[in-house]
Amino acid sequence: SDHFNFAKVGIPALYTARGIEIEGKDAGYGKKADEDYRAQHYHRPSDEFRNDWSMDGAIEDLRLLFIVGKRLAFSSAWPSWKAGSEFKAMRDSVMKKQ
């Protein structure tokens, strides 16, 4: 993913991933649906949007990403790495050159 190329040069980036828990369904339902889709459709001609998909989780992710982006936009603080992160040293090095 693109976020890793940012991280390698010290730039923090957000990455969201799909979930497998689906509200109102049994615990294993999402995992099985994901496995079935990947086995039958992923990277095949049938790998297309379907109207019966729920976008509730994607909407939650977008709301979260919007809030994070808004907080960053209205903050004087720069995003940073947690202590011990393998990417922190690169970021610290770049910031010293500024």
PDB file of N, CA and C in Angstrom:
ATOM      1  N   SER A   1       0.829  -1.194   0.000  1.00  0.00           N
ATOM      2  CA  SER A   1       0.000   0.000   0.000  1.00  0.00           C
ATOM      3  C   SER A   1       0.865   1.246   0.000  1.00  0.00           C
ATOM      4  N   ASP A   2       0.309   2.328  -0.467  1.00  0.00           N
ATOM      5  CA  ASP A   2       1.043   3.589  -0.558  1.00  0.00           C
ATOM      6  C   ASP A   2       1.524   4.083   0.793  1.00  0.00           C
ATOM      7  N   HIS A   3       0.761   3.800   1.850  1.00  0.00           N
ATOM      8  CA  HIS A   3       1.148   4.315   3.165  1.00  0.00           C
ATOM      9  C   HIS A   3       2.519   3.806   3.593  1.00  0.00           C
ATOM     10  N   PHE A   4       2.913   2.638   3.161  1.00  0.00           N
ATOM     11  CA  PHE A   4       4.204   2.093   3.561  1.00  0.00           C
ATOM     12  C   PHE A   4       5.350   2.880   2.934  1.00  0.00           C
ATOM     13  N   ASN A   5       5.173   3.311   1.696  1.00  0.00           N
ATOM     14  CA  ASN A   5       6.210   4.131   1.060  1.00  0.00           C
ATOM     15  C   ASN A   5       6.365   5.467   1.769  1.00  0.00           C
ATOM     16  N   PHE A   6       5.280   6.039   2.266  1.00  0.00           N
ATOM     17  CA  PHE A   6       5.374   7.245   3.085  1.00  0.00           C
ATOM     18  C   PHE A   6       6.147   6.939   4.366  1.00  0.00           C
ATOM     19  N   ALA A   7       5.769   5.856   5.033  1.00  0.00           N
ATOM     20  CA  ALA A   7       6.388   5.496   6.311  1.00  0.00           C
ATOM     21  C   ALA A   7       7.887   5.292   6.169  1.00  0.00           C
ATOM     22  N   LYS A   8       8.330   4.679   5.089  1.00  0.00           N
ATOM     23  CA  LYS A   8       9.756   4.410   4.903  1.00  0.00           C
ATOM     24  C   LYS A   8      10.588   5.685   4.873  1.00  0.00           C
ATOM     25  N   VAL A   9       9.995   6.816   4.506  1.00  0.00           N
ATOM     26  CA  VAL A   9      10.717   8.091   4.509  1.00  0.00           C
ATOM     27  C   VAL A   9      10.302   8.967   5.687  1.00  0.00           C
ATOM     28  N   GLY A  10       9.619   8.360   6.680  1.00  0.00           N
ATOM     29  CA  GLY A  10       9.326   9.035   7.921  1.00  0.00           C
ATOM     30  C   GLY A  10       8.001   9.757   8.006  1.00  0.00           C
ATOM     31  N   ILE A  11       7.165   9.654   6.991  1.00  0.00           N
ATOM     32  CA  ILE A  11       5.888  10.371   6.979  1.00  0.00           C
ATOM     33  C   ILE A  11       4.792   9.467   7.541  1.00  0.00           C
ATOM     34  N   PRO A  12       4.207   9.863   8.684  1.00  0.00           N
ATOM     35  CA  PRO A  12       3.103   9.057   9.225  1.00  0.00           C
ATOM     36  C   PRO A  12       1.908   9.079   8.268  1.00  0.00           C
ATOM     37  N   ALA A  13       1.236   7.968   8.155  1.00  0.00           N
ATOM     38  CA  ALA A  13       0.054   7.876   7.291  1.00  0.00           C
ATOM     39  C   ALA A  13      -0.948   6.934   7.938  1.00  0.00           C
ATOM     40  N   LEU A  14      -2.198   7.155   7.640  1.00  0.00           N
ATOM     41  CA  LEU A  14      -3.257   6.288   8.151  1.00  0.00           C
ATOM     42  C   LEU A  14      -3.595   5.231   7.121  1.00  0.00           C
ATOM     43  N   TYR A  15      -3.947   4.074   7.616  1.00  0.00           N
ATOM     44  CA  TYR A  15      -4.368   2.989   6.743  1.00  0.00           C
ATOM     45  C   TYR A  15      -5.534   2.284   7.420  1.00  0.00           C
ATOM     46  N   THR A  16      -6.630   2.161   6.724  1.00  0.00           N
ATOM     47  CA  THR A  16      -7.758   1.417   7.263  1.00  0.00           C
ATOM     48  C   THR A  16      -7.886   0.102   6.497  1.00  0.00           C
ATOM     49  N   ALA A  17      -8.359  -0.879   7.169  1.00  0.00           N
ATOM     50  CA  ALA A  17      -8.534  -2.194   6.548  1.00  0.00           C
ATOM     51  C   ALA A  17      -9.971  -2.653   6.760  1.00  0.00           C
ATOM     52  N   ARG A  18     -10.400  -3.568   5.926  1.00  0.00           N
ATOM     53  CA  ARG A  18     -11.760  -4.074   6.045  1.00  0.00           C
ATOM     54  C   ARG A  18     -11.899  -4.879   7.322  1.00  0.00           C
ATOM     55  N   GLY A  19     -13.081  -4.877   7.846  1.00  0.00           N
ATOM     56  CA  GLY A  19     -13.367  -5.684   9.020  1.00  0.00           C
ATOM     57  C   GLY A  19     -14.148  -6.917   8.622  1.00  0.00           C
ATOM     58  N   ILE A  20     -14.271  -7.835   9.560  1.00  0.00           N
ATOM     59  CA  ILE A  20     -15.035  -9.054   9.257  1.00  0.00           C
ATOM     60  C   ILE A  20     -16.186  -9.263  10.227  1.00  0.00           C
ATOM     61  N   GLU A  21     -16.352  -8.323  11.175  1.00  0.00           N
ATOM     62  CA  GLU A  21     -17.473  -8.421  12.087  1.00  0.00           C
ATOM     63  C   GLU A  21     -18.644  -7.635  11.508  1.00  0.00           C
ATOM     64  N   ILE A  22     -19.804  -8.273  11.448  1.00  0.00           N
ATOM     65  CA  ILE A  22     -20.981  -7.632  10.858  1.00  0.00           C
ATOM     66  C   ILE A  22     -22.094  -7.614  11.895  1.00  0.00           C
ATOM     67  N   GLU A  23     -22.557  -6.398  12.195  1.00  0.00           N
ATOM     68  CA  GLU A  23     -23.620  -6.265  13.195  1.00  0.00           C
ATOM     69  C   GLU A  23     -24.843  -7.074  12.790  1.00  0.00           C
ATOM     70  N   GLY A  24     -25.403  -7.786  13.764  1.00  0.00           N
ATOM     71  CA  GLY A  24     -26.609  -8.554  13.523  1.00  0.00           C
ATOM     72  C   GLY A  24     -26.364  -9.934  12.928  1.00  0.00           C
ATOM     73  N   LYS A  25     -25.094 -10.278  12.725  1.00  0.00           N
ATOM     74  CA  LYS A  25     -24.755 -11.593  12.167  1.00  0.00           C
ATOM     75  C   LYS A  25     -23.917 -12.371  13.174  1.00  0.00           C
ATOM     76  N   ASP A  26     -23.914 -13.686  13.043  1.00  0.00           N
ATOM     77  CA  ASP A  26     -23.103 -14.536  13.903  1.00  0.00           C
ATOM     78  C   ASP A  26     -21.623 -14.198  13.756  1.00  0.00           C
ATOM     79  N   ALA A  27     -20.832 -14.564  14.763  1.00  0.00           N
ATOM     80  CA  ALA A  27     -19.412 -14.223  14.814  1.00  0.00           C
ATOM     81  C   ALA A  27     -18.630 -14.657  13.564  1.00  0.00           C
ATOM     82  N   GLY A  28     -18.903 -15.818  13.010  1.00  0.00           N
ATOM     83  CA  GLY A  28     -18.143 -16.310  11.867  1.00  0.00           C
ATOM     84  C   GLY A  28     -18.666 -15.879  10.505  1.00  0.00           C
ATOM     85  N   TYR A  29     -19.800 -15.189  10.473  1.00  0.00           N
ATOM     86  CA  TYR A  29     -20.441 -14.826   9.205  1.00  0.00           C
ATOM     87  C   TYR A  29     -19.522 -13.971   8.322  1.00  0.00           C
ATOM     88  N   GLY A  30     -18.957 -12.923   8.884  1.00  0.00           N
ATOM     89  CA  GLY A  30     -18.123 -12.005   8.100  1.00  0.00           C
ATOM     90  C   GLY A  30     -16.877 -12.677   7.562  1.00  0.00           C
ATOM     91  N   LYS A  31     -16.252 -13.500   8.390  1.00  0.00           N
ATOM     92  CA  LYS A  31     -15.047 -14.201   7.951  1.00  0.00           C
ATOM     93  C   LYS A  31     -15.363 -15.133   6.791  1.00  0.00           C
ATOM     94  N   LYS A  32     -16.460 -15.868   6.910  1.00  0.00           N
ATOM     95  CA  LYS A  32     -16.844 -16.787   5.830  1.00  0.00           C
ATOM     96  C   LYS A  32     -17.189 -16.026   4.563  1.00  0.00           C
ATOM     97  N   ALA A  33     -17.921 -14.920   4.686  1.00  0.00           N
ATOM     98  CA  ALA A  33     -18.285 -14.117   3.518  1.00  0.00           C
ATOM     99  C   ALA A  33     -17.030 -13.578   2.839  1.00  0.00           C
ATOM    100  N   ASP A  34     -16.050 -13.128   3.625  1.00  0.00           N
ATOM    101  CA  ASP A  34     -14.797 -12.620   3.076  1.00  0.00           C
ATOM    102  C   ASP A  34     -14.034 -13.726   2.349  1.00  0.00           C
ATOM    103  N   GLU A  35     -13.935 -14.873   2.982  1.00  0.00           N
ATOM    104  CA  GLU A  35     -13.233 -16.003   2.365  1.00  0.00           C
ATOM    105  C   GLU A  35     -13.912 -16.427   1.067  1.00  0.00           C
ATOM    106  N   ASP A  36     -15.247 -16.502   1.080  1.00  0.00           N
ATOM    107  CA  ASP A  36     -15.989 -16.888  -0.124  1.00  0.00           C
ATOM    108  C   ASP A  36     -15.781 -15.878  -1.252  1.00  0.00           C
ATOM    109  N   TYR A  37     -15.853 -14.588  -0.920  1.00  0.00           N
ATOM    110  CA  TYR A  37     -15.683 -13.559  -1.950  1.00  0.00           C
ATOM    111  C   TYR A  37     -14.281 -13.637  -2.549  1.00  0.00           C
ATOM    112  N   ARG A  38     -13.292 -13.781  -1.706  1.00  0.00           N
ATOM    113  CA  ARG A  38     -11.918 -13.849  -2.203  1.00  0.00           C
ATOM    114  C   ARG A  38     -11.711 -15.090  -3.088  1.00  0.00           C
ATOM    115  N   ALA A  39     -12.305 -16.204  -2.703  1.00  0.00           N
ATOM    116  CA  ALA A  39     -12.145 -17.441  -3.476  1.00  0.00           C
ATOM    117  C   ALA A  39     -12.887 -17.379  -4.812  1.00  0.00           C
ATOM    118  N   GLN A  40     -14.041 -16.724  -4.845  1.00  0.00           N
ATOM    119  CA  GLN A  40     -14.884 -16.758  -6.041  1.00  0.00           C
ATOM    120  C   GLN A  40     -14.789 -15.517  -6.930  1.00  0.00           C
ATOM    121  N   HIS A  41     -14.470 -14.348  -6.346  1.00  0.00           N
ATOM    122  CA  HIS A  41     -14.570 -13.114  -7.129  1.00  0.00           C
ATOM    123  C   HIS A  41     -13.334 -12.227  -7.146  1.00  0.00           C
ATOM    124  N   TYR A  42     -12.527 -12.236  -6.095  1.00  0.00           N
ATOM    125  CA  TYR A  42     -11.422 -11.282  -5.965  1.00  0.00           C
ATOM    126  C   TYR A  42     -10.459 -11.378  -7.145  1.00  0.00           C
ATOM    127  N   HIS A  43     -10.235 -10.229  -7.797  1.00  0.00           N
ATOM    128  CA  HIS A  43      -9.369 -10.109  -8.975  1.00  0.00           C
ATOM    129  C   HIS A  43      -9.813 -10.998 -10.136  1.00  0.00           C
ATOM    130  N   ARG A  44     -11.103 -11.101 -10.275  1.00  0.00           N
ATOM    131  CA  ARG A  44     -11.708 -11.836 -11.390  1.00  0.00           C
ATOM    132  C   ARG A  44     -12.736 -10.930 -12.048  1.00  0.00           C
ATOM    133  N   PRO A  45     -13.240 -11.276 -13.212  1.00  0.00           N
ATOM    134  CA  PRO A  45     -14.234 -10.411 -13.865  1.00  0.00           C
ATOM    135  C   PRO A  45     -15.455 -10.105 -12.995  1.00  0.00           C
ATOM    136  N   SER A  46     -15.790 -10.991 -12.080  1.00  0.00           N
ATOM    137  CA  SER A  46     -16.966 -10.772 -11.226  1.00  0.00           C
ATOM    138  C   SER A  46     -16.653  -9.883 -10.010  1.00  0.00           C
ATOM    139  N   ASP A  47     -15.437  -9.375  -9.916  1.00  0.00           N
ATOM    140  CA  ASP A  47     -15.016  -8.533  -8.786  1.00  0.00           C
ATOM    141  C   ASP A  47     -15.523  -7.101  -9.002  1.00  0.00           C
ATOM    142  N   GLU A  48     -16.806  -6.929  -8.746  1.00  0.00           N
ATOM    143  CA  GLU A  48     -17.475  -5.642  -8.953  1.00  0.00           C
ATOM    144  C   GLU A  48     -18.364  -5.307  -7.767  1.00  0.00           C
ATOM    145  N   PHE A  49     -18.689  -4.030  -7.639  1.00  0.00           N
ATOM    146  CA  PHE A  49     -19.599  -3.572  -6.599  1.00  0.00           C
ATOM    147  C   PHE A  49     -20.945  -4.272  -6.747  1.00  0.00           C
ATOM    148  N   ARG A  50     -21.548  -4.596  -5.607  1.00  0.00           N
ATOM    149  CA  ARG A  50     -22.883  -5.198  -5.604  1.00  0.00           C
ATOM    150  C   ARG A  50     -23.802  -4.337  -4.753  1.00  0.00           C
ATOM    151  N   ASN A  51     -25.018  -4.142  -5.209  1.00  0.00           N
ATOM    152  CA  ASN A  51     -25.974  -3.299  -4.496  1.00  0.00           C
ATOM    153  C   ASN A  51     -26.389  -3.842  -3.133  1.00  0.00           C
ATOM    154  N   ASP A  52     -26.174  -5.140  -2.889  1.00  0.00           N
ATOM    155  CA  ASP A  52     -26.581  -5.696  -1.601  1.00  0.00           C
ATOM    156  C   ASP A  52     -25.499  -5.561  -0.522  1.00  0.00           C
ATOM    157  N   TRP A  53     -24.363  -4.957  -0.852  1.00  0.00           N
ATOM    158  CA  TRP A  53     -23.310  -4.740   0.132  1.00  0.00           C
ATOM    159  C   TRP A  53     -23.715  -3.639   1.104  1.00  0.00           C
ATOM    160  N   SER A  54     -23.385  -3.815   2.342  1.00  0.00           N
ATOM    161  CA  SER A  54     -23.578  -2.773   3.350  1.00  0.00           C
ATOM    162  C   SER A  54     -22.336  -1.892   3.371  1.00  0.00           C
ATOM    163  N   MET A  55     -22.537  -0.601   3.319  1.00  0.00           N
ATOM    164  CA  MET A  55     -21.427   0.344   3.363  1.00  0.00           C
ATOM    165  C   MET A  55     -21.308   0.998   4.738  1.00  0.00           C
ATOM    166  N   ASP A  56     -22.020   0.463   5.734  1.00  0.00           N
ATOM    167  CA  ASP A  56     -22.012   1.059   7.068  1.00  0.00           C
ATOM    168  C   ASP A  56     -20.605   1.175   7.646  1.00  0.00           C
ATOM    169  N   GLY A  57     -19.819   0.118   7.531  1.00  0.00           N
ATOM    170  CA  GLY A  57     -18.455   0.147   8.058  1.00  0.00           C
ATOM    171  C   GLY A  57     -17.585   1.150   7.325  1.00  0.00           C
ATOM    172  N   ALA A  58     -17.730   1.232   6.010  1.00  0.00           N
ATOM    173  CA  ALA A  58     -16.947   2.197   5.231  1.00  0.00           C
ATOM    174  C   ALA A  58     -17.300   3.622   5.628  1.00  0.00           C
ATOM    175  N   ILE A  59     -18.560   3.874   5.893  1.00  0.00           N
ATOM    176  CA  ILE A  59     -18.994   5.204   6.320  1.00  0.00           C
ATOM    177  C   ILE A  59     -18.387   5.537   7.677  1.00  0.00           C
ATOM    178  N   GLU A  60     -18.356   4.569   8.592  1.00  0.00           N
ATOM    179  CA  GLU A  60     -17.710   4.796   9.895  1.00  0.00           C
ATOM    180  C   GLU A  60     -16.232   5.120   9.716  1.00  0.00           C
ATOM    181  N   ASP A  61     -15.554   4.384   8.828  1.00  0.00           N
ATOM    182  CA  ASP A  61     -14.142   4.651   8.566  1.00  0.00           C
ATOM    183  C   ASP A  61     -13.947   6.060   8.011  1.00  0.00           C
ATOM    184  N   LEU A  62     -14.795   6.454   7.068  1.00  0.00           N
ATOM    185  CA  LEU A  62     -14.675   7.788   6.475  1.00  0.00           C
ATOM    186  C   LEU A  62     -14.905   8.882   7.505  1.00  0.00           C
ATOM    187  N   ARG A  63     -15.855   8.682   8.396  1.00  0.00           N
ATOM    188  CA  ARG A  63     -16.089   9.664   9.472  1.00  0.00           C
ATOM    189  C   ARG A  63     -14.855   9.786  10.361  1.00  0.00           C
ATOM    190  N   LEU A  64     -14.268   8.658  10.724  1.00  0.00           N
ATOM    191  CA  LEU A  64     -13.071   8.674  11.547  1.00  0.00           C
ATOM    192  C   LEU A  64     -11.927   9.395  10.834  1.00  0.00           C
ATOM    193  N   LEU A  65     -11.684   9.054   9.573  1.00  0.00           N
ATOM    194  CA  LEU A  65     -10.606   9.687   8.817  1.00  0.00           C
ATOM    195  C   LEU A  65     -10.844  11.189   8.664  1.00  0.00           C
ATOM    196  N   PHE A  66     -12.093  11.597   8.483  1.00  0.00           N
ATOM    197  CA  PHE A  66     -12.420  13.017   8.394  1.00  0.00           C
ATOM    198  C   PHE A  66     -12.081  13.728   9.702  1.00  0.00           C
ATOM    199  N   ILE A  67     -12.474  13.124  10.821  1.00  0.00           N
ATOM    200  CA  ILE A  67     -12.199  13.734  12.128  1.00  0.00           C
ATOM    201  C   ILE A  67     -10.692  13.865  12.350  1.00  0.00           C
ATOM    202  N   VAL A  68      -9.940  12.830  12.047  1.00  0.00           N
ATOM    203  CA  VAL A  68      -8.483  12.881  12.210  1.00  0.00           C
ATOM    204  C   VAL A  68      -7.904  13.982  11.317  1.00  0.00           C
ATOM    205  N   GLY A  69      -8.326  14.022  10.050  1.00  0.00           N
ATOM    206  CA  GLY A  69      -7.836  15.045   9.132  1.00  0.00           C
ATOM    207  C   GLY A  69      -8.196  16.448   9.591  1.00  0.00           C
ATOM    208  N   LYS A  70      -9.394  16.629  10.080  1.00  0.00           N
ATOM    209  CA  LYS A  70      -9.833  17.947  10.560  1.00  0.00           C
ATOM    210  C   LYS A  70      -9.014  18.374  11.771  1.00  0.00           C
ATOM    211  N   ARG A  71      -8.797  17.449  12.700  1.00  0.00           N
ATOM    212  CA  ARG A  71      -7.985  17.779  13.882  1.00  0.00           C
ATOM    213  C   ARG A  71      -6.567  18.170  13.483  1.00  0.00           C
ATOM    214  N   LEU A  72      -6.003  17.452  12.525  1.00  0.00           N
ATOM    215  CA  LEU A  72      -4.661  17.795  12.050  1.00  0.00           C
ATOM    216  C   LEU A  72      -4.643  19.157  11.367  1.00  0.00           C
ATOM    217  N   ALA A  73      -5.655  19.419  10.575  1.00  0.00           N
ATOM    218  CA  ALA A  73      -5.715  20.678   9.834  1.00  0.00           C
ATOM    219  C   ALA A  73      -5.819  21.884  10.764  1.00  0.00           C
ATOM    220  N   PHE A  74      -6.475  21.736  11.892  1.00  0.00           N
ATOM    221  CA  PHE A  74      -6.677  22.846  12.819  1.00  0.00           C
ATOM    222  C   PHE A  74      -5.733  22.793  14.018  1.00  0.00           C
ATOM    223  N   SER A  75      -4.701  21.998  13.915  1.00  0.00           N
ATOM    224  CA  SER A  75      -3.737  21.850  15.002  1.00  0.00           C
ATOM    225  C   SER A  75      -2.381  22.414  14.582  1.00  0.00           C
ATOM    226  N   SER A  76      -1.628  22.879  15.541  1.00  0.00           N
ATOM    227  CA  SER A  76      -0.268  23.323  15.241  1.00  0.00           C
ATOM    228  C   SER A  76       0.733  22.191  15.432  1.00  0.00           C
ATOM    229  N   ALA A  77       0.267  21.057  15.935  1.00  0.00           N
ATOM    230  CA  ALA A  77       1.138  19.902  16.158  1.00  0.00           C
ATOM    231  C   ALA A  77       1.275  19.077  14.885  1.00  0.00           C
ATOM    232  N   TRP A  78       2.467  18.552  14.652  1.00  0.00           N
ATOM    233  CA  TRP A  78       2.706  17.681  13.517  1.00  0.00           C
ATOM    234  C   TRP A  78       2.467  16.236  13.935  1.00  0.00           C
ATOM    235  N   PRO A  79       1.971  15.418  13.035  1.00  0.00           N
ATOM    236  CA  PRO A  79       1.853  13.989  13.354  1.00  0.00           C
ATOM    237  C   PRO A  79       3.249  13.429  13.624  1.00  0.00           C
ATOM    238  N   SER A  80       3.330  12.480  14.511  1.00  0.00           N
ATOM    239  CA  SER A  80       4.640  11.910  14.826  1.00  0.00           C
ATOM    240  C   SER A  80       4.510  10.410  15.048  1.00  0.00           C
ATOM    241  N   TRP A  81       5.638   9.798  15.242  1.00  0.00           N
ATOM    242  CA  TRP A  81       5.698   8.361  15.481  1.00  0.00           C
ATOM    243  C   TRP A  81       5.786   8.083  16.974  1.00  0.00           C
ATOM    244  N   LYS A  82       5.285   6.960  17.385  1.00  0.00           N
ATOM    245  CA  LYS A  82       5.438   6.529  18.773  1.00  0.00           C
ATOM    246  C   LYS A  82       6.902   6.165  19.019  1.00  0.00           C
ATOM    247  N   ALA A  83       7.345   6.352  20.252  1.00  0.00           N
ATOM    248  CA  ALA A  83       8.708   5.960  20.626  1.00  0.00           C
ATOM    249  C   ALA A  83       8.895   4.481  20.303  1.00  0.00           C
ATOM    250  N   GLY A  84      10.024   4.154  19.731  1.00  0.00           N
ATOM    251  CA  GLY A  84      10.321   2.768  19.401  1.00  0.00           C
ATOM    252  C   GLY A  84       9.896   2.349  18.003  1.00  0.00           C
ATOM    253  N   SER A  85       9.145   3.202  17.305  1.00  0.00           N
ATOM    254  CA  SER A  85       8.735   2.855  15.943  1.00  0.00           C
ATOM    255  C   SER A  85       9.963   2.803  15.036  1.00  0.00           C
ATOM    256  N   GLU A  86      10.003   1.834  14.153  1.00  0.00           N
ATOM    257  CA  GLU A  86      11.129   1.718  13.230  1.00  0.00           C
ATOM    258  C   GLU A  86      11.222   2.906  12.273  1.00  0.00           C
ATOM    259  N   PHE A  87      10.153   3.689  12.143  1.00  0.00           N
ATOM    260  CA  PHE A  87      10.145   4.811  11.218  1.00  0.00           C
ATOM    261  C   PHE A  87      10.436   6.149  11.898  1.00  0.00           C
ATOM    262  N   LYS A  88      10.461   6.165  13.223  1.00  0.00           N
ATOM    263  CA  LYS A  88      10.653   7.408  13.972  1.00  0.00           C
ATOM    264  C   LYS A  88      12.018   8.027  13.690  1.00  0.00           C
ATOM    265  N   ALA A  89      13.073   7.226  13.636  1.00  0.00           N
ATOM    266  CA  ALA A  89      14.419   7.755  13.407  1.00  0.00           C
ATOM    267  C   ALA A  89      14.501   8.504  12.074  1.00  0.00           C
ATOM    268  N   MET A  90      13.875   7.969  11.042  1.00  0.00           N
ATOM    269  CA  MET A  90      13.884   8.638   9.747  1.00  0.00           C
ATOM    270  C   MET A  90      13.169   9.982   9.846  1.00  0.00           C
ATOM    271  N   ARG A  91      12.022   9.998  10.501  1.00  0.00           N
ATOM    272  CA  ARG A  91      11.262  11.247  10.660  1.00  0.00           C
ATOM    273  C   ARG A  91      12.075  12.271  11.448  1.00  0.00           C
ATOM    274  N   ASP A  92      12.688  11.841  12.546  1.00  0.00           N
ATOM    275  CA  ASP A  92      13.492  12.751  13.363  1.00  0.00           C
ATOM    276  C   ASP A  92      14.644  13.332  12.555  1.00  0.00           C
ATOM    277  N   SER A  93      15.265  12.502  11.727  1.00  0.00           N
ATOM    278  CA  SER A  93      16.363  12.951  10.878  1.00  0.00           C
ATOM    279  C   SER A  93      15.905  14.011   9.876  1.00  0.00           C
ATOM    280  N   VAL A  94      14.772  13.770   9.253  1.00  0.00           N
ATOM    281  CA  VAL A  94      14.226  14.718   8.276  1.00  0.00           C
ATOM    282  C   VAL A  94      13.865  16.025   8.951  1.00  0.00           C
ATOM    283  N   MET A  95      13.259  15.965  10.124  1.00  0.00           N
ATOM    284  CA  MET A  95      12.827  17.171  10.819  1.00  0.00           C
ATOM    285  C   MET A  95      14.008  18.011  11.297  1.00  0.00           C
ATOM    286  N   LYS A  96      15.139  17.397  11.618  1.00  0.00           N
ATOM    287  CA  LYS A  96      16.338  18.144  12.030  1.00  0.00           C
ATOM    288  C   LYS A  96      16.901  18.958  10.878  1.00  0.00           C
ATOM    289  N   LYS A  97      16.719  18.477   9.649  1.00  0.00           N
ATOM    290  CA  LYS A  97      17.238  19.161   8.465  1.00  0.00           C
ATOM    291  C   LYS A  97      16.413  20.393   8.095  1.00  0.00           C
ATOM    292  N   GLN A  98      15.207  20.488   8.641  1.00  0.00           N
ATOM    293  CA  GLN A  98      14.305  21.590   8.294  1.00  0.00           C
ATOM    294  C   GLN A  98      14.778  22.901   8.862  1.00  0.00           C
TER     295      GLN A  98
END
